[in-house]
N, C-alpha and C. Protein backbone atom coordinates (compact mmCIF):
# COMPACT_ATOMS: atom_id res chain seq x y z
N UNK A 1 192.21 20.20 -14.30
CA UNK A 1 193.14 20.70 -14.59
C UNK A 1 194.69 19.84 -14.35
N UNK A 2 194.51 19.13 -12.72
CA UNK A 2 195.47 17.80 -12.81
C UNK A 2 196.02 16.81 -13.00
N UNK A 3 194.27 16.53 -14.00
CA UNK A 3 194.41 15.10 -14.59
C UNK A 3 194.83 15.16 -16.24
N UNK A 4 194.71 16.70 -16.55
CA UNK A 4 194.87 16.55 -17.96
C UNK A 4 196.35 17.21 -17.69
N UNK A 5 197.14 18.10 -17.15
CA UNK A 5 199.09 17.73 -17.27
C UNK A 5 199.21 16.77 -16.88
N UNK A 6 199.24 15.54 -15.63
CA UNK A 6 199.54 14.53 -15.92
C UNK A 6 198.99 13.40 -16.45
N UNK A 7 197.85 13.49 -17.55
CA UNK A 7 197.85 12.61 -19.34
C UNK A 7 199.51 13.97 -19.77
N UNK A 8 199.06 14.93 -20.67
CA UNK A 8 200.44 15.45 -21.19
C UNK A 8 202.04 15.12 -20.64
N UNK A 9 202.00 14.60 -19.72
CA UNK A 9 203.58 14.48 -18.74
C UNK A 9 203.31 13.03 -19.41
N UNK A 10 202.31 11.89 -19.46
CA UNK A 10 202.83 10.65 -19.47
C UNK A 10 202.65 10.95 -20.98
N UNK A 11 202.47 11.46 -22.39
CA UNK A 11 202.60 11.48 -23.53
C UNK A 11 203.63 12.33 -24.11
N UNK A 12 203.85 12.60 -22.98
CA UNK A 12 205.23 13.66 -23.21
C UNK A 12 206.14 12.50 -22.69
N UNK A 13 206.61 11.97 -22.11
CA UNK A 13 207.73 10.68 -21.16
C UNK A 13 206.89 9.79 -22.39
N UNK A 14 205.93 9.21 -23.16
CA UNK A 14 206.25 8.03 -23.74
C UNK A 14 206.99 8.31 -25.33
N UNK A 15 206.25 9.71 -25.50
CA UNK A 15 207.00 10.43 -27.19
C UNK A 15 209.15 10.57 -26.93
N UNK A 16 209.34 11.11 -25.88
CA UNK A 16 210.64 11.41 -25.52
C UNK A 16 211.54 10.15 -25.17
N UNK A 17 211.08 9.18 -24.79
CA UNK A 17 211.76 7.74 -23.92
C UNK A 17 212.38 7.03 -24.77
N UNK A 18 212.22 6.58 -25.82
CA UNK A 18 213.02 6.03 -26.89
C UNK A 18 214.62 6.96 -27.23
N UNK A 19 213.89 8.62 -27.93
CA UNK A 19 214.88 9.59 -28.08
C UNK A 19 215.96 9.69 -27.16
N UNK A 20 215.79 9.13 -25.33
CA UNK A 20 216.55 10.23 -24.34
C UNK A 20 218.24 9.44 -24.24
N UNK A 21 218.47 8.15 -24.77
CA UNK A 21 220.05 8.08 -24.54
C UNK A 21 220.39 8.10 -25.92
N UNK A 22 219.78 8.20 -27.17
CA UNK A 22 220.60 9.21 -28.58
C UNK A 22 220.35 10.77 -27.90
N UNK A 23 219.77 11.35 -27.31
CA UNK A 23 219.63 12.78 -26.86
C UNK A 23 220.98 13.32 -25.66
N UNK A 24 221.13 12.01 -25.09
CA UNK A 24 221.99 11.49 -24.30
C UNK A 24 223.59 12.01 -24.43
N UNK A 25 223.49 11.55 -25.41
CA UNK A 25 225.03 10.87 -26.13
C UNK A 25 225.95 12.23 -27.33
N UNK A 26 224.37 12.86 -27.57
CA UNK A 26 223.93 14.27 -28.89
C UNK A 26 225.44 14.57 -27.72
N UNK A 27 224.56 14.77 -26.48
CA UNK A 27 225.24 16.35 -25.60
C UNK A 27 226.32 15.96 -24.92
N UNK A 28 226.78 14.77 -24.66
CA UNK A 28 227.40 14.41 -24.12
C UNK A 28 228.57 14.63 -24.99
N UNK A 29 229.18 14.18 -26.54
CA UNK A 29 229.72 14.72 -27.81
C UNK A 29 229.82 16.03 -27.87
N UNK A 30 228.98 16.64 -27.77
CA UNK A 30 229.05 18.32 -27.69
C UNK A 30 229.93 18.91 -26.44
N UNK A 31 229.59 18.16 -25.39
CA UNK A 31 230.40 19.12 -24.65
C UNK A 31 231.72 18.27 -24.40
N UNK A 32 232.09 17.10 -25.44
CA UNK A 32 233.85 16.54 -25.25
C UNK A 32 234.61 17.27 -26.76
N UNK A 33 233.39 17.75 -27.32
CA UNK A 33 233.82 18.64 -28.01
C UNK A 33 234.10 19.89 -27.85
N UNK A 34 233.14 20.46 -27.14
CA UNK A 34 233.64 21.88 -27.01
C UNK A 34 235.04 21.56 -25.80
N UNK A 35 234.93 20.79 -25.48
CA UNK A 35 236.33 20.89 -23.92
C UNK A 35 237.10 20.79 -24.68
N UNK A 36 236.82 19.82 -25.73
CA UNK A 36 239.11 20.15 -26.65
C UNK A 36 238.92 21.19 -27.31
N UNK A 37 237.71 22.19 -27.54
CA UNK A 37 237.85 23.15 -28.09
C UNK A 37 238.99 23.70 -27.21
N UNK A 38 238.03 24.30 -26.13
CA UNK A 38 238.90 25.31 -24.91
C UNK A 38 240.11 25.21 -24.59
N UNK A 39 240.68 23.26 -24.56
CA UNK A 39 241.24 22.50 -24.02
C UNK A 39 242.53 23.02 -25.05
N UNK A 40 242.47 22.96 -26.42
CA UNK A 40 243.22 23.00 -27.53
C UNK A 40 244.26 23.76 -27.22
N UNK A 41 244.14 25.15 -26.63
CA UNK A 41 246.01 25.94 -26.97
C UNK A 41 246.73 24.46 -26.01
N UNK A 42 245.95 24.28 -25.35
CA UNK A 42 246.94 23.63 -23.89
C UNK A 42 247.54 22.02 -24.53
N UNK A 43 246.66 21.28 -25.61
CA UNK A 43 247.41 19.61 -26.18
C UNK A 43 248.32 20.63 -27.17
N UNK A 44 248.30 22.06 -27.07
CA UNK A 44 249.32 21.77 -28.71
C UNK A 44 248.98 22.24 -30.16
N UNK A 45 247.28 22.56 -30.48
CA UNK A 45 246.39 22.46 -31.24
C UNK A 45 246.22 24.65 -30.97
N UNK A 46 247.15 25.08 -31.76
CA UNK A 46 246.45 26.78 -32.77
C UNK A 46 245.73 26.52 -32.03
N UNK A 47 244.52 28.06 -30.99
CA UNK A 47 243.55 28.59 -30.90
C UNK A 47 243.05 29.27 -31.33
N UNK A 48 242.65 29.64 -32.73
CA UNK A 48 243.04 31.11 -32.99
C UNK A 48 242.02 32.13 -31.47
N UNK A 49 240.46 31.76 -31.17
CA UNK A 49 240.26 32.14 -30.32
C UNK A 49 240.53 31.79 -28.19
N UNK A 50 242.10 31.83 -28.56
CA UNK A 50 242.33 31.15 -27.36
C UNK A 50 241.59 32.10 -26.00
N UNK A 51 242.76 33.12 -26.31
CA UNK A 51 241.89 34.45 -25.20
C UNK A 51 241.09 34.47 -25.10
N UNK A 52 239.79 34.44 -25.74
CA UNK A 52 238.58 34.24 -25.12
C UNK A 52 237.69 33.37 -24.43
N UNK A 53 238.33 31.82 -24.68
CA UNK A 53 238.56 30.62 -24.14
C UNK A 53 238.86 30.40 -23.20
N UNK A 54 239.81 30.70 -22.56
CA UNK A 54 241.26 31.13 -21.17
C UNK A 54 239.87 31.82 -20.39
N UNK A 55 239.49 32.00 -20.08
CA UNK A 55 238.49 32.12 -19.24
C UNK A 55 237.88 31.08 -18.50
N UNK A 56 236.88 30.51 -19.48
CA UNK A 56 236.23 28.43 -19.22
C UNK A 56 237.37 28.15 -18.26
N UNK A 57 238.43 28.18 -18.25
CA UNK A 57 239.65 27.15 -18.09
C UNK A 57 238.62 26.36 -16.54
N UNK A 58 239.01 27.41 -15.80
CA UNK A 58 238.39 27.02 -14.10
C UNK A 58 237.60 26.28 -13.96
N UNK A 59 235.58 26.48 -15.22
CA UNK A 59 235.11 25.86 -15.38
C UNK A 59 235.01 24.74 -15.43
N UNK A 60 235.51 24.56 -16.42
CA UNK A 60 236.25 22.83 -17.05
C UNK A 60 237.05 22.09 -16.26
N UNK A 61 237.24 22.82 -14.98
CA UNK A 61 238.69 21.63 -14.11
C UNK A 61 237.93 20.93 -14.26
N UNK A 62 236.39 20.43 -12.94
CA UNK A 62 236.05 19.75 -12.49
C UNK A 62 236.26 18.33 -13.49
N UNK A 63 235.40 19.01 -14.17
CA UNK A 63 234.97 17.62 -15.37
C UNK A 63 236.27 17.31 -16.34
N UNK A 64 237.88 17.63 -15.62
CA UNK A 64 238.54 17.37 -16.96
C UNK A 64 238.86 15.88 -17.00
N UNK A 65 238.97 15.40 -15.77
CA UNK A 65 239.06 13.74 -15.60
C UNK A 65 237.72 13.38 -16.29
N UNK A 66 237.01 13.39 -16.57
CA UNK A 66 235.60 12.85 -16.90
C UNK A 66 235.92 12.41 -18.22
N UNK A 67 236.59 13.65 -18.84
CA UNK A 67 236.57 13.59 -19.90
C UNK A 67 237.99 13.50 -20.72
N UNK A 68 238.42 13.13 -19.83
CA UNK A 68 239.93 12.61 -20.45
C UNK A 68 240.08 10.99 -20.35
N UNK A 69 239.30 10.92 -19.11
CA UNK A 69 239.01 9.08 -18.96
C UNK A 69 238.08 8.66 -20.48
N UNK A 70 237.40 9.57 -20.49
CA UNK A 70 236.58 9.27 -22.19
C UNK A 70 237.06 9.51 -22.86
N UNK A 71 238.16 9.97 -23.73
CA UNK A 71 239.42 10.16 -24.32
C UNK A 71 240.18 8.79 -24.79
N UNK A 72 239.84 8.17 -22.76
CA UNK A 72 240.84 7.01 -23.74
C UNK A 72 242.24 7.29 -23.07
N UNK A 73 242.36 8.08 -22.51
CA UNK A 73 243.39 8.54 -22.07
C UNK A 73 243.60 7.83 -20.31
N UNK A 74 244.43 7.07 -20.45
CA UNK A 74 244.76 6.48 -18.56
C UNK A 74 244.98 8.00 -17.22
N UNK A 75 245.97 8.67 -18.05
CA UNK A 75 246.17 10.31 -17.22
C UNK A 75 246.12 10.72 -18.00
N UNK A 76 246.33 12.10 -16.79
CA UNK A 76 246.27 13.79 -17.83
C UNK A 76 247.28 13.69 -19.17
N UNK A 77 246.22 14.65 -19.90
CA UNK A 77 247.56 14.89 -21.06
C UNK A 77 248.28 15.93 -21.02
N UNK A 78 247.93 16.96 -20.03
CA UNK A 78 248.92 18.01 -19.78
C UNK A 78 249.09 18.19 -18.74
N UNK A 79 250.46 18.89 -18.54
CA UNK A 79 251.54 18.11 -17.47
C UNK A 79 251.58 19.06 -16.11
N UNK A 80 250.51 20.62 -16.83
CA UNK A 80 249.32 21.94 -16.04
C UNK A 80 248.65 21.47 -14.85
N UNK A 81 247.89 20.65 -15.49
CA UNK A 81 246.85 19.15 -15.09
C UNK A 81 247.18 18.29 -14.36
N UNK A 82 247.52 18.13 -13.52
CA UNK A 82 247.32 16.47 -12.52
C UNK A 82 246.01 15.74 -11.21
N UNK A 83 244.52 15.27 -12.56
CA UNK A 83 244.20 14.77 -11.54
C UNK A 83 243.99 13.25 -10.99
N UNK A 84 245.36 12.71 -11.51
CA UNK A 84 245.37 10.96 -10.68
C UNK A 84 246.62 11.07 -11.18
C-alpha cells in the first residue's frame, strides 16, 4: 500500500504543480479583500457589518503590516495602528 500511496502523491503533485502559484495568488487576493472589508470602517468607508467585523480586528493586526505594504502604502493608513 506504500507504493500505491506514493504513486498517488506523485500524480497529485504532477497535476497541482502548474496551478500552485495561481491558487496562492487567488488566496492572497481573497485575504486582502477580507482585510479591507474588516478595516473598512477605520479606513473611512461605511460598513454595515462593522459590528460583526469589529471582533476580528485583533486577529488581523498581526498581518496588517504585510497587507498595507502589499497595497502600496509605505506607512500605515490608520492613525490608531502604527506598525512602521
